[in-house]
Amino acid sequence: MSHRTIFFGGPPARRPVTRLAPLLVAFALVLVVGACSKSANSSSPQSGASTSATTPSTSTSASPATGNGIPTYDVFVKNFTYHGMPKTVPANTPVLVSFTNKESFAIQHEFVVLKLTGGKTAEDVIKDAKKKGPDGEDDWIHVADSGDPLDTGATAVVTMDLAPGKYVATCWQTGKAGGGSGPPHVAIGMIAQFTATASATAANTQPLPNYDTYVKNFTYHGVPKTVPANAPFLFTFTNKESFDITHEFVVLKLPPGKSAQDVVADAKKKGPKGEDDWIHVGDSGDIDTGSSVTIPMDLPPGNYVATCWQTGKAGGGSGPPHVTIGMIAPFTASAGATAPSSAEPASYQVSVKNFTYHGMPSTVAANTPLLVSFTNDESFAIQHEFVVLKLTGGKTVQDVIADAKKKGPDAEDDWIHVADSGDPLDTGSSTVVRMDLPPGKYVATCWQTGKAGDGSGPPHVAIGMIKAFTAS
């Protein structure tokens, strides 16, 4: 099955056009294209990776902070050493890490969290990195990742939901101070071991500021004129067009002297390729009509624009980038901006056991952010997922099941996706899915085809791994 990548920040680059796991979503996995040493690790267990927003930052705090009802820690790297990472974090609870590259020279770093099993320690990871170089990263279970390597001065926000156990934060980049390449940074000390435990004391938490934005008639609505600088906040973006079309919410930083009109003029001249001329600091991925995504950001003072570079037309076909026909909204990040108040989102603990979802309510609040902490609780080795589809036109659970039985995993593409847990989760792994759903009927589904004892079979949705619920 295809999973859409949510792309944030980093050097300007076109994103892969695949299906979004709307954070929905969003706190779904954030993987970006770049000079990162690691592979995609699509087969690695995902035990809580979620979003990552890469932005330049001048924040200096390194102590536990507050998040959107989530324990939040400010972590940074200086002199190839992690600072601010606690020795323990709460287990089975969403945790935010705001990670900043604070080196005094130009170099790229990252924040990759590995789970230690079988009595392994940080020293075992270091030995492996020294022996195999960056290829050693693939020997370990990945549970969170900051995404694109961060340049000096940049920040990424990572969300985790970890099972009890021992973990290490690591960096597998190979750049050297002054240029050139060397051993992975984890091999020279850029590693921090910590434990997730139910008895850990969480930092006091408060909701992150959240701005509800949407698009209708190729126009952004709800984008504020100012947002807080050097402080985490959220944009929740919904595609509210009355017809089928794909939009996006791509945030660009404007260099001194440039304006929204310069972006529009560039897009008119170069088409969608003009996007690569600008500094990206946030990106929703592709959002179909009726879908939402929540994008975490942390911006330094400056001028920005929200833009859409999709080229679809109402009724089908292709046209100019939407940014050229009005889908652009300028705003400023300022230290003096007043943030909106925000309530802590409702949170649901959902698991799968014996190919059955447990804990998903029959009704959730519509047009309101909510979190689903999803865990694969099977007693045997198998991969599962949490894919939310919107039911329209009188369709029912039985229609989804019948389609899955007829077409197999290809049938997934027949339905409207509004949320997705991202990479399939191995047994014992967890992830956090954020949703903001319009009123309607939905189903949580799994389209993986693995069988107990290995091998492949029908999609799990066809054998009962489906749960209907309503947003109202």
Protein backbone atom coordinates (compact mmCIF):
# COMPACT_ATOMS: atom_id res chain seq x y z
CA MET A 1 0.00 0.00 0.00
CA SER A 2 1.11 3.57 -0.50
CA HIS A 3 1.66 5.99 2.36
CA ARG A 4 2.04 9.69 1.85
CA THR A 5 5.04 11.42 3.30
CA ILE A 6 4.52 14.65 5.22
CA PHE A 7 7.37 16.97 4.30
CA PHE A 8 8.64 19.81 6.46
CA GLY A 9 11.41 22.28 6.09
CA GLY A 10 14.90 21.55 4.96
CA PRO A 11 16.39 22.63 1.66
CA PRO A 12 13.84 23.41 -1.04
CA ALA A 13 12.88 20.18 -2.77
CA ARG A 14 9.77 18.75 -4.41
CA ARG A 15 7.95 16.33 -2.21
CA PRO A 16 7.00 12.86 -3.28
CA VAL A 17 3.34 12.82 -4.29
CA THR A 18 1.99 9.88 -2.34
CA ARG A 19 -0.91 9.39 0.00
CA LEU A 20 -0.85 11.52 3.15
CA ALA A 21 -1.22 10.10 6.56
CA PRO A 22 -3.06 13.21 7.57
CA LEU A 23 -2.16 14.15 11.02
CA LEU A 24 -4.26 14.24 10.97
CA VAL A 25 -2.69 13.43 11.27
CA ALA A 26 -1.05 14.12 11.62
CA PHE A 27 1.24 13.59 13.99
CA ALA A 28 2.25 11.03 11.38
CA LEU A 29 5.75 10.11 10.31
CA VAL A 30 7.80 12.88 8.86
CA LEU A 31 10.39 11.70 6.44
CA VAL A 32 12.01 14.12 4.07
CA VAL A 33 14.33 13.93 1.17
CA GLY A 34 17.86 15.09 1.70
CA ALA A 35 21.43 14.19 2.43
CA CYS A 36 20.45 11.92 5.29
CA SER A 37 22.66 8.90 5.69
CA LYS A 38 19.94 6.49 6.67
CA SER A 39 17.55 4.45 4.60
CA ALA A 40 13.80 4.88 4.86
CA ASN A 41 13.67 1.96 7.28
CA SER A 42 10.17 1.13 6.13
CA SER A 43 10.52 -2.31 7.62
CA SER A 44 11.64 -1.05 11.01
CA PRO A 45 9.17 -1.08 13.89
CA GLN A 46 7.64 2.34 14.40
CA SER A 47 7.02 2.82 18.09
CA GLY A 48 5.87 6.37 18.16
CA ALA A 49 7.53 8.49 15.53
CA SER A 50 5.33 11.29 14.42
CA THR A 51 5.77 14.75 13.12
CA SER A 52 8.85 16.76 12.51
CA ALA A 53 8.88 20.41 11.47
CA THR A 54 12.27 21.77 10.52
CA THR A 55 12.69 25.51 10.93
CA PRO A 56 15.49 27.93 11.70
CA SER A 57 15.38 28.87 15.36
CA THR A 58 17.18 31.00 17.90
CA SER A 59 15.57 29.42 20.96
CA THR A 60 17.93 29.00 23.90
CA SER A 61 15.85 26.98 26.39
CA ALA A 62 17.12 23.48 27.18
CA SER A 63 14.84 22.41 30.02
CA PRO A 64 11.51 20.55 30.06
CA ALA A 65 8.87 22.83 28.61
CA THR A 66 5.16 22.65 27.91
CA GLY A 67 3.29 21.35 24.88
CA ASN A 68 -0.21 20.72 23.58
CA GLY A 69 -1.16 18.69 26.62
CA ILE A 70 1.97 16.64 25.95
CA PRO A 71 5.16 16.50 28.04
CA THR A 72 7.65 18.57 26.04
CA TYR A 73 11.44 18.73 26.27
CA ASP A 74 13.83 21.21 24.67
CA VAL A 75 16.86 19.25 23.45
CA PHE A 76 19.81 20.62 21.51
CA VAL A 77 23.22 19.56 20.20
CA LYS A 78 26.44 21.45 20.81
CA ASN A 79 29.96 20.10 20.33
CA PHE A 80 28.52 16.81 19.01
CA THR A 81 26.70 16.24 22.33
CA TYR A 82 22.97 16.11 23.09
CA HIS A 83 21.85 18.45 25.89
CA GLY A 84 18.50 18.54 27.68
CA MET A 85 17.38 14.97 27.00
CA PRO A 86 15.93 13.59 30.25
CA LYS A 87 17.03 10.27 31.72
CA THR A 88 13.41 9.10 31.86
CA VAL A 89 10.22 9.98 29.95
CA PRO A 90 6.64 8.78 30.52
CA ALA A 91 5.81 5.50 28.77
CA ASN A 92 2.64 4.97 26.72
CA THR A 93 2.15 8.73 26.60
CA PRO A 94 2.73 11.18 23.74
CA VAL A 95 5.97 13.10 24.31
CA LEU A 96 7.24 16.10 22.34
CA VAL A 97 10.93 16.80 21.75
CA SER A 98 11.86 20.17 20.26
CA PHE A 99 15.34 19.48 18.87
CA THR A 100 17.71 22.28 17.80
CA ASN A 101 21.13 22.19 16.13
CA LYS A 102 23.12 24.78 18.12
CA GLU A 103 26.60 24.11 16.79
CA SER A 104 28.78 27.20 16.31
CA PHE A 105 29.81 26.03 12.83
CA ALA A 106 27.97 24.80 9.74
CA ILE A 107 27.08 21.10 10.04
CA GLN A 108 24.04 18.84 9.84
CA HIS A 109 22.68 16.80 12.76
CA GLU A 110 19.59 14.72 13.48
CA PHE A 111 17.60 13.15 16.32
CA VAL A 112 17.01 9.44 15.63
CA VAL A 113 15.56 7.37 18.49
CA LEU A 114 16.37 3.64 18.64
CA LYS A 115 14.91 1.03 20.97
CA LEU A 116 17.42 -1.12 22.85
CA THR A 117 16.42 -4.76 23.24
CA GLY A 118 18.06 -7.97 24.42
CA GLY A 119 20.24 -6.26 27.01
CA LYS A 120 21.90 -3.96 24.45
CA THR A 121 23.31 -0.62 25.60
CA ALA A 122 24.48 2.68 24.16
CA GLU A 123 27.98 1.20 23.96
CA ASP A 124 26.73 -1.55 21.65
CA VAL A 125 25.30 1.07 19.32
CA ILE A 126 28.57 3.01 19.33
CA LYS A 127 30.61 -0.14 18.59
CA ASP A 128 28.31 -1.01 15.71
CA ALA A 129 28.63 2.51 14.28
CA LYS A 130 32.42 2.37 14.53
CA LYS A 131 32.49 -1.01 12.78
CA LYS A 132 29.93 -0.45 10.00
CA GLY A 133 29.72 3.33 9.69
CA PRO A 134 26.31 4.81 8.78
CA ASP A 135 25.12 1.39 7.56
CA GLY A 136 25.05 0.29 11.20
CA GLU A 137 21.90 2.36 11.69
CA ASP A 138 19.86 -0.31 9.91
CA ASP A 139 20.73 -2.86 12.62
CA TRP A 140 18.50 -1.14 15.18
CA ILE A 141 14.79 -0.66 15.82
CA HIS A 142 13.74 2.88 14.86
CA VAL A 143 10.96 4.51 16.87
CA ALA A 144 11.28 8.22 16.04
CA ASP A 145 13.19 10.46 13.67
CA SER A 146 13.58 14.21 13.15
CA GLY A 147 13.49 13.71 9.37
CA ASP A 148 15.74 15.73 7.09
CA PRO A 149 19.15 16.44 8.64
CA LEU A 150 19.06 19.81 10.40
CA ASP A 151 21.43 22.58 9.42
CA THR A 152 23.01 24.70 12.14
CA GLY A 153 20.33 26.92 13.69
CA ALA A 154 17.41 24.73 12.60
CA THR A 155 14.80 23.08 14.82
CA ALA A 156 12.60 19.98 14.41
CA VAL A 157 9.62 19.00 16.55
CA VAL A 158 9.30 15.22 17.08
CA THR A 159 6.37 13.41 18.71
CA MET A 160 6.87 9.99 20.32
CA ASP A 161 4.69 7.51 22.17
CA LEU A 162 7.02 4.88 23.58
CA ALA A 163 6.42 1.50 25.15
CA PRO A 164 8.29 0.89 28.43
CA GLY A 165 11.95 0.15 27.76
CA LYS A 166 15.39 1.56 27.07
CA TYR A 167 16.14 3.90 24.18
CA VAL A 168 18.92 6.03 22.70
CA ALA A 169 18.81 9.28 20.78
CA THR A 170 21.44 9.12 18.03
CA CYS A 171 22.90 11.01 15.07
CA TRP A 172 24.12 9.08 12.02
CA GLN A 173 25.24 12.08 9.97
CA THR A 174 28.89 11.99 8.90
CA GLY A 175 29.80 15.64 8.29
CA LYS A 176 32.88 17.16 9.94
CA ALA A 177 33.45 20.63 11.35
CA GLY A 178 35.04 22.62 8.54
CA GLY A 179 33.65 20.34 5.83
CA GLY A 180 34.23 16.85 4.57
CA SER A 181 33.04 13.51 5.92
CA GLY A 182 33.97 11.37 8.92
CA PRO A 183 32.50 8.65 11.13
CA PRO A 184 28.83 8.81 12.13
CA HIS A 185 28.40 11.33 14.92
CA VAL A 186 26.97 8.60 17.17
CA ALA A 187 30.41 6.97 17.05
CA ILE A 188 32.05 10.07 18.50
CA GLY A 189 29.65 10.64 21.37
CA MET A 190 26.40 12.00 19.91
CA ILE A 191 24.18 9.53 21.73
CA ALA A 192 21.91 9.90 24.78
CA GLN A 193 20.42 6.88 26.54
CA PHE A 194 17.06 7.21 28.30
CA THR A 195 14.25 5.06 29.63
CA ALA A 196 10.49 5.16 29.07
CA THR A 197 8.68 4.11 32.22
CA ALA A 198 5.14 4.37 33.57
CA SER A 199 6.52 5.85 36.80
CA ALA A 200 8.31 8.77 35.13
CA THR A 201 7.15 12.21 36.22
CA ALA A 202 6.05 14.27 33.25
CA ALA A 203 6.68 17.96 32.88
CA ASN A 204 3.68 20.20 33.44
CA THR A 205 1.80 20.55 30.18
CA GLN A 206 -0.40 23.12 28.51
CA PRO A 207 -2.00 23.04 25.07
CA LEU A 208 0.01 24.39 22.17
CA PRO A 209 -1.53 27.39 20.40
CA ASN A 210 -3.53 26.09 17.43
CA TYR A 211 -4.74 28.00 14.38
CA ASP A 212 -7.62 26.44 12.43
CA THR A 213 -7.08 27.20 8.74
CA TYR A 214 -8.81 25.93 5.63
CA VAL A 215 -9.11 26.44 1.89
CA LYS A 216 -12.32 27.16 0.00
CA ASN A 217 -12.59 28.51 -3.55
CA PHE A 218 -8.78 28.44 -3.87
CA THR A 219 -8.42 30.84 -0.93
CA TYR A 220 -6.86 30.29 2.49
CA HIS A 221 -9.05 31.20 5.46
CA GLY A 222 -8.03 31.54 9.10
CA VAL A 223 -4.31 32.21 8.58
CA PRO A 224 -3.42 34.82 11.22
CA LYS A 225 -1.51 37.98 10.42
CA THR A 226 1.00 37.19 13.19
CA VAL A 227 2.11 34.09 15.10
CA PRO A 228 4.46 33.75 18.10
CA ALA A 229 8.16 33.59 17.19
CA ASN A 230 10.54 31.06 18.79
CA ALA A 231 7.66 29.11 20.33
CA PRO A 232 5.95 25.89 19.17
CA PHE A 233 2.44 26.23 17.72
CA LEU A 234 0.12 24.32 15.40
CA PHE A 235 -1.59 24.98 12.10
CA THR A 236 -4.60 22.69 11.54
CA PHE A 237 -5.35 22.81 7.82
CA THR A 238 -8.51 21.46 6.15
CA ASN A 239 -9.40 21.19 2.46
CA LYS A 240 -13.02 22.40 2.42
CA GLU A 241 -13.54 22.66 -1.32
CA SER A 242 -16.98 21.55 -2.56
CA PHE A 243 -15.38 19.50 -5.37
CA ASP A 244 -12.62 16.89 -5.58
CA ILE A 245 -9.19 18.50 -5.69
CA THR A 246 -5.86 18.26 -3.91
CA HIS A 247 -4.44 21.22 -1.98
CA GLU A 248 -1.55 21.76 0.41
CA PHE A 249 -0.25 24.17 3.04
CA VAL A 250 3.40 24.92 2.26
CA VAL A 251 5.02 27.58 4.43
CA LEU A 252 7.91 29.53 2.91
CA LYS A 253 10.20 32.00 4.62
CA LEU A 254 10.61 35.26 2.72
CA PRO A 255 14.16 36.59 2.46
CA PRO A 256 14.68 40.26 3.34
CA GLY A 257 13.05 42.51 0.76
CA LYS A 258 10.90 39.77 -0.80
CA SER A 259 7.11 39.73 -0.65
CA ALA A 260 4.15 37.50 -1.47
CA GLN A 261 3.98 39.12 -4.89
CA ASP A 262 7.53 37.96 -5.63
CA VAL A 263 6.46 34.38 -4.90
CA VAL A 264 3.42 34.73 -7.17
CA ALA A 265 5.48 36.25 -9.97
CA ASP A 266 8.02 33.42 -9.72
CA ALA A 267 5.25 30.82 -9.84
CA LYS A 268 3.70 32.45 -12.90
CA LYS A 269 7.07 32.44 -14.64
CA LYS A 270 8.32 28.96 -13.72
CA GLY A 271 5.18 27.05 -12.77
CA PRO A 272 5.45 24.48 -9.97
CA LYS A 273 9.24 24.42 -10.35
CA GLY A 274 9.30 27.90 -8.85
CA GLU A 275 8.66 26.33 -5.45
CA ASP A 276 12.28 25.21 -5.32
CA ASP A 277 13.45 28.84 -5.30
CA TRP A 278 12.19 29.42 -1.76
CA ILE A 279 13.08 28.36 1.79
CA HIS A 280 10.63 25.73 3.09
CA VAL A 281 9.81 25.73 6.80
CA GLY A 282 6.60 23.70 6.92
CA ASP A 283 4.55 21.47 4.64
CA SER A 284 1.27 19.58 5.01
CA GLY A 285 1.76 17.07 2.21
CA ASP A 286 -1.11 16.51 -0.23
CA ILE A 287 -4.60 17.04 1.22
CA ASP A 288 -7.67 15.81 -0.66
CA THR A 289 -11.09 17.43 -0.29
CA GLY A 290 -12.52 16.73 3.16
CA SER A 291 -9.16 15.88 4.74
CA SER A 292 -7.22 17.69 7.46
CA VAL A 293 -3.67 17.80 8.75
CA THR A 294 -2.04 19.39 11.78
CA ILE A 295 1.40 20.91 11.24
CA PRO A 296 3.68 21.73 14.21
CA MET A 297 5.92 24.75 13.70
CA ASP A 298 8.51 26.80 15.59
CA LEU A 299 9.58 29.87 13.61
CA PRO A 300 12.16 32.58 14.16
CA PRO A 301 11.04 36.19 13.69
CA GLY A 302 10.43 37.03 10.06
CA ASN A 303 7.98 37.15 7.19
CA TYR A 304 6.34 34.02 5.78
CA VAL A 305 3.73 32.89 3.29
CA ALA A 306 1.43 29.89 3.22
CA THR A 307 1.25 28.62 -0.36
CA CYS A 308 -0.21 25.86 -2.53
CA TRP A 309 1.80 24.56 -5.51
CA GLN A 310 -0.69 21.94 -6.63
CA THR A 311 -1.87 22.27 -10.25
CA GLY A 312 -5.20 20.42 -10.31
CA LYS A 313 -8.32 22.10 -11.71
CA ALA A 314 -11.93 21.89 -10.57
CA GLY A 315 -13.48 19.16 -12.71
CA GLY A 316 -10.13 17.51 -13.42
CA GLY A 317 -7.05 18.24 -15.47
CA SER A 318 -4.10 20.47 -14.73
CA GLY A 319 -3.54 24.21 -14.64
CA PRO A 320 -1.20 26.78 -13.08
CA PRO A 321 -0.02 26.39 -9.49
CA HIS A 322 -2.78 27.44 -7.11
CA VAL A 323 -0.46 30.01 -5.56
CA THR A 324 -0.74 32.02 -8.79
CA ILE A 325 -4.52 32.22 -8.63
CA GLY A 326 -4.82 33.49 -5.08
CA MET A 327 -3.89 30.59 -2.81
CA ILE A 328 -1.24 32.45 -0.81
CA ALA A 329 -1.45 34.01 2.66
CA PRO A 330 1.34 36.15 4.14
CA PHE A 331 1.98 36.26 7.89
CA THR A 332 4.68 37.35 10.32
CA ALA A 333 6.35 35.53 13.21
CA SER A 334 6.90 38.02 16.01
CA ALA A 335 8.03 37.78 19.63
CA GLY A 336 5.18 40.11 20.57
CA ALA A 337 2.40 38.08 18.93
CA THR A 338 -0.48 36.93 21.14
CA ALA A 339 -1.22 33.24 20.75
CA PRO A 340 -4.80 31.94 20.69
CA SER A 341 -6.01 29.86 23.61
CA SER A 342 -6.35 26.17 22.87
CA ALA A 343 -7.96 23.27 24.66
CA GLU A 344 -6.14 20.00 25.16
CA PRO A 345 -7.32 17.56 22.44
CA ALA A 346 -9.32 14.50 23.37
CA SER A 347 -7.12 11.40 23.42
CA TYR A 348 -8.05 7.76 22.82
CA GLN A 349 -5.98 4.65 23.52
CA VAL A 350 -6.63 2.23 20.63
CA SER A 351 -5.02 -1.16 20.16
CA VAL A 352 -5.31 -4.22 17.94
CA LYS A 353 -5.45 -7.76 19.24
CA ASN A 354 -6.62 -10.87 17.34
CA PHE A 355 -7.10 -8.71 14.22
CA THR A 356 -9.65 -6.54 16.06
CA TYR A 357 -9.50 -2.86 17.01
CA HIS A 358 -10.10 -2.12 20.70
CA GLY A 359 -10.73 1.25 22.36
CA MET A 360 -11.97 3.24 19.36
CA PRO A 361 -15.14 5.09 20.37
CA SER A 362 -18.30 4.96 18.28
CA THR A 363 -18.50 8.76 18.22
CA VAL A 364 -15.90 11.53 18.26
CA ALA A 365 -16.24 15.30 18.18
CA ALA A 366 -16.33 16.82 14.68
CA ASN A 367 -14.20 19.80 13.63
CA THR A 368 -12.05 19.32 16.73
CA PRO A 369 -8.46 18.03 16.97
CA LEU A 370 -8.17 14.63 18.63
CA LEU A 371 -5.37 12.18 19.26
CA VAL A 372 -5.38 8.41 18.77
CA SER A 373 -2.50 6.54 20.39
CA PHE A 374 -2.48 3.29 18.40
CA THR A 375 -0.63 0.16 19.57
CA ASN A 376 -0.10 -3.23 17.91
CA ASP A 377 -0.83 -5.58 20.82
CA GLU A 378 -0.80 -8.89 18.95
CA SER A 379 0.85 -11.84 20.74
CA PHE A 380 2.69 -12.85 17.56
CA ALA A 381 4.91 -11.03 15.03
CA ILE A 382 2.79 -9.18 12.45
CA GLN A 383 2.35 -5.68 11.07
CA HIS A 384 -0.81 -3.60 11.45
CA GLU A 385 -1.91 -0.03 10.76
CA PHE A 386 -4.67 2.50 11.52
CA VAL A 387 -6.06 3.97 8.30
CA VAL A 388 -9.19 6.12 8.58
CA LEU A 389 -11.52 6.32 5.57
CA LYS A 390 -14.52 8.59 5.10
CA LEU A 391 -17.76 6.88 4.04
CA THR A 392 -19.82 8.86 1.54
CA GLY A 393 -22.83 8.27 -0.67
CA GLY A 394 -24.50 5.86 1.74
CA LYS A 395 -21.56 3.45 1.82
CA THR A 396 -21.14 1.19 4.84
CA VAL A 397 -18.60 -1.02 6.59
CA GLN A 398 -19.84 -3.95 4.53
CA ASP A 399 -19.10 -2.08 1.30
CA VAL A 400 -15.48 -1.58 2.38
CA ILE A 401 -15.13 -5.24 3.36
CA ALA A 402 -16.71 -6.43 0.11
CA ASP A 403 -14.36 -4.23 -1.90
CA ALA A 404 -11.34 -5.55 0.03
CA LYS A 405 -12.41 -9.15 -0.55
CA LYS A 406 -12.85 -8.49 -4.28
CA LYS A 407 -9.76 -6.41 -5.06
CA GLY A 408 -7.38 -7.14 -2.19
CA PRO A 409 -5.10 -4.34 -0.95
CA ASP A 410 -5.60 -2.38 -4.19
CA ALA A 411 -9.14 -1.60 -3.04
CA GLU A 412 -7.74 0.83 -0.48
CA ASP A 413 -7.37 3.39 -3.25
CA ASP A 414 -11.14 3.36 -3.86
CA TRP A 415 -11.81 5.24 -0.62
CA ILE A 416 -11.27 8.74 0.77
CA HIS A 417 -8.35 8.75 3.21
CA VAL A 418 -8.48 11.19 6.11
CA ALA A 419 -5.95 9.77 8.59
CA ASP A 420 -3.17 7.21 8.59
CA SER A 421 -0.70 5.83 11.14
CA GLY A 422 2.06 5.81 8.51
CA ASP A 423 4.46 2.89 8.17
CA PRO A 424 2.95 -0.43 9.30
CA LEU A 425 3.57 -1.08 12.99
CA ASP A 426 5.33 -4.22 14.17
CA THR A 427 4.01 -6.07 17.21
CA GLY A 428 4.64 -4.03 20.37
CA SER A 429 4.98 -0.72 18.55
CA SER A 430 2.86 2.42 18.93
CA THR A 431 2.28 5.67 17.11
CA VAL A 432 0.20 8.81 17.58
CA VAL A 433 -2.35 9.83 14.95
CA ARG A 434 -3.90 13.27 15.09
CA MET A 435 -7.22 13.90 13.37
CA ASP A 436 -9.59 16.81 12.84
CA LEU A 437 -12.65 15.44 11.07
CA PRO A 438 -15.67 17.14 9.52
CA PRO A 439 -19.09 15.66 10.43
CA GLY A 440 -19.70 12.29 8.82
CA LYS A 441 -19.22 8.55 8.97
CA TYR A 442 -15.78 6.92 9.06
CA VAL A 443 -14.05 3.59 9.42
CA ALA A 444 -10.66 2.68 10.89
CA THR A 445 -9.11 -0.02 8.71
CA CYS A 446 -6.00 -2.14 8.21
CA TRP A 447 -4.88 -3.05 4.67
CA GLN A 448 -1.80 -5.05 5.62
CA THR A 449 -1.78 -8.64 4.34
CA GLY A 450 0.55 -10.49 6.71
CA LYS A 451 -0.57 -13.71 8.40
CA ALA A 452 0.12 -15.07 11.87
CA GLY A 453 3.12 -17.33 11.43
CA ASP A 454 4.34 -15.33 8.40
CA GLY A 455 3.24 -15.33 4.80
CA SER A 456 0.56 -13.24 3.10
CA GLY A 457 -3.22 -13.37 3.06
CA PRO A 458 -6.20 -11.10 2.46
CA PRO A 459 -6.15 -7.52 3.76
CA HIS A 460 -6.87 -7.52 7.48
CA VAL A 461 -9.88 -5.27 6.89
CA ALA A 462 -11.45 -8.20 5.01
CA ILE A 463 -11.21 -10.46 8.07
CA GLY A 464 -12.64 -8.06 10.63
CA MET A 465 -10.03 -5.38 11.28
CA ILE A 466 -12.42 -2.49 10.70
CA LYS A 467 -14.17 -0.17 13.15
CA ALA A 468 -16.97 2.23 12.21
CA PHE A 469 -17.38 5.56 14.01
CA THR A 470 -19.08 8.91 13.52
CA ALA A 471 -17.80 12.46 13.84
CA SER A 472 -20.60 14.73 15.03
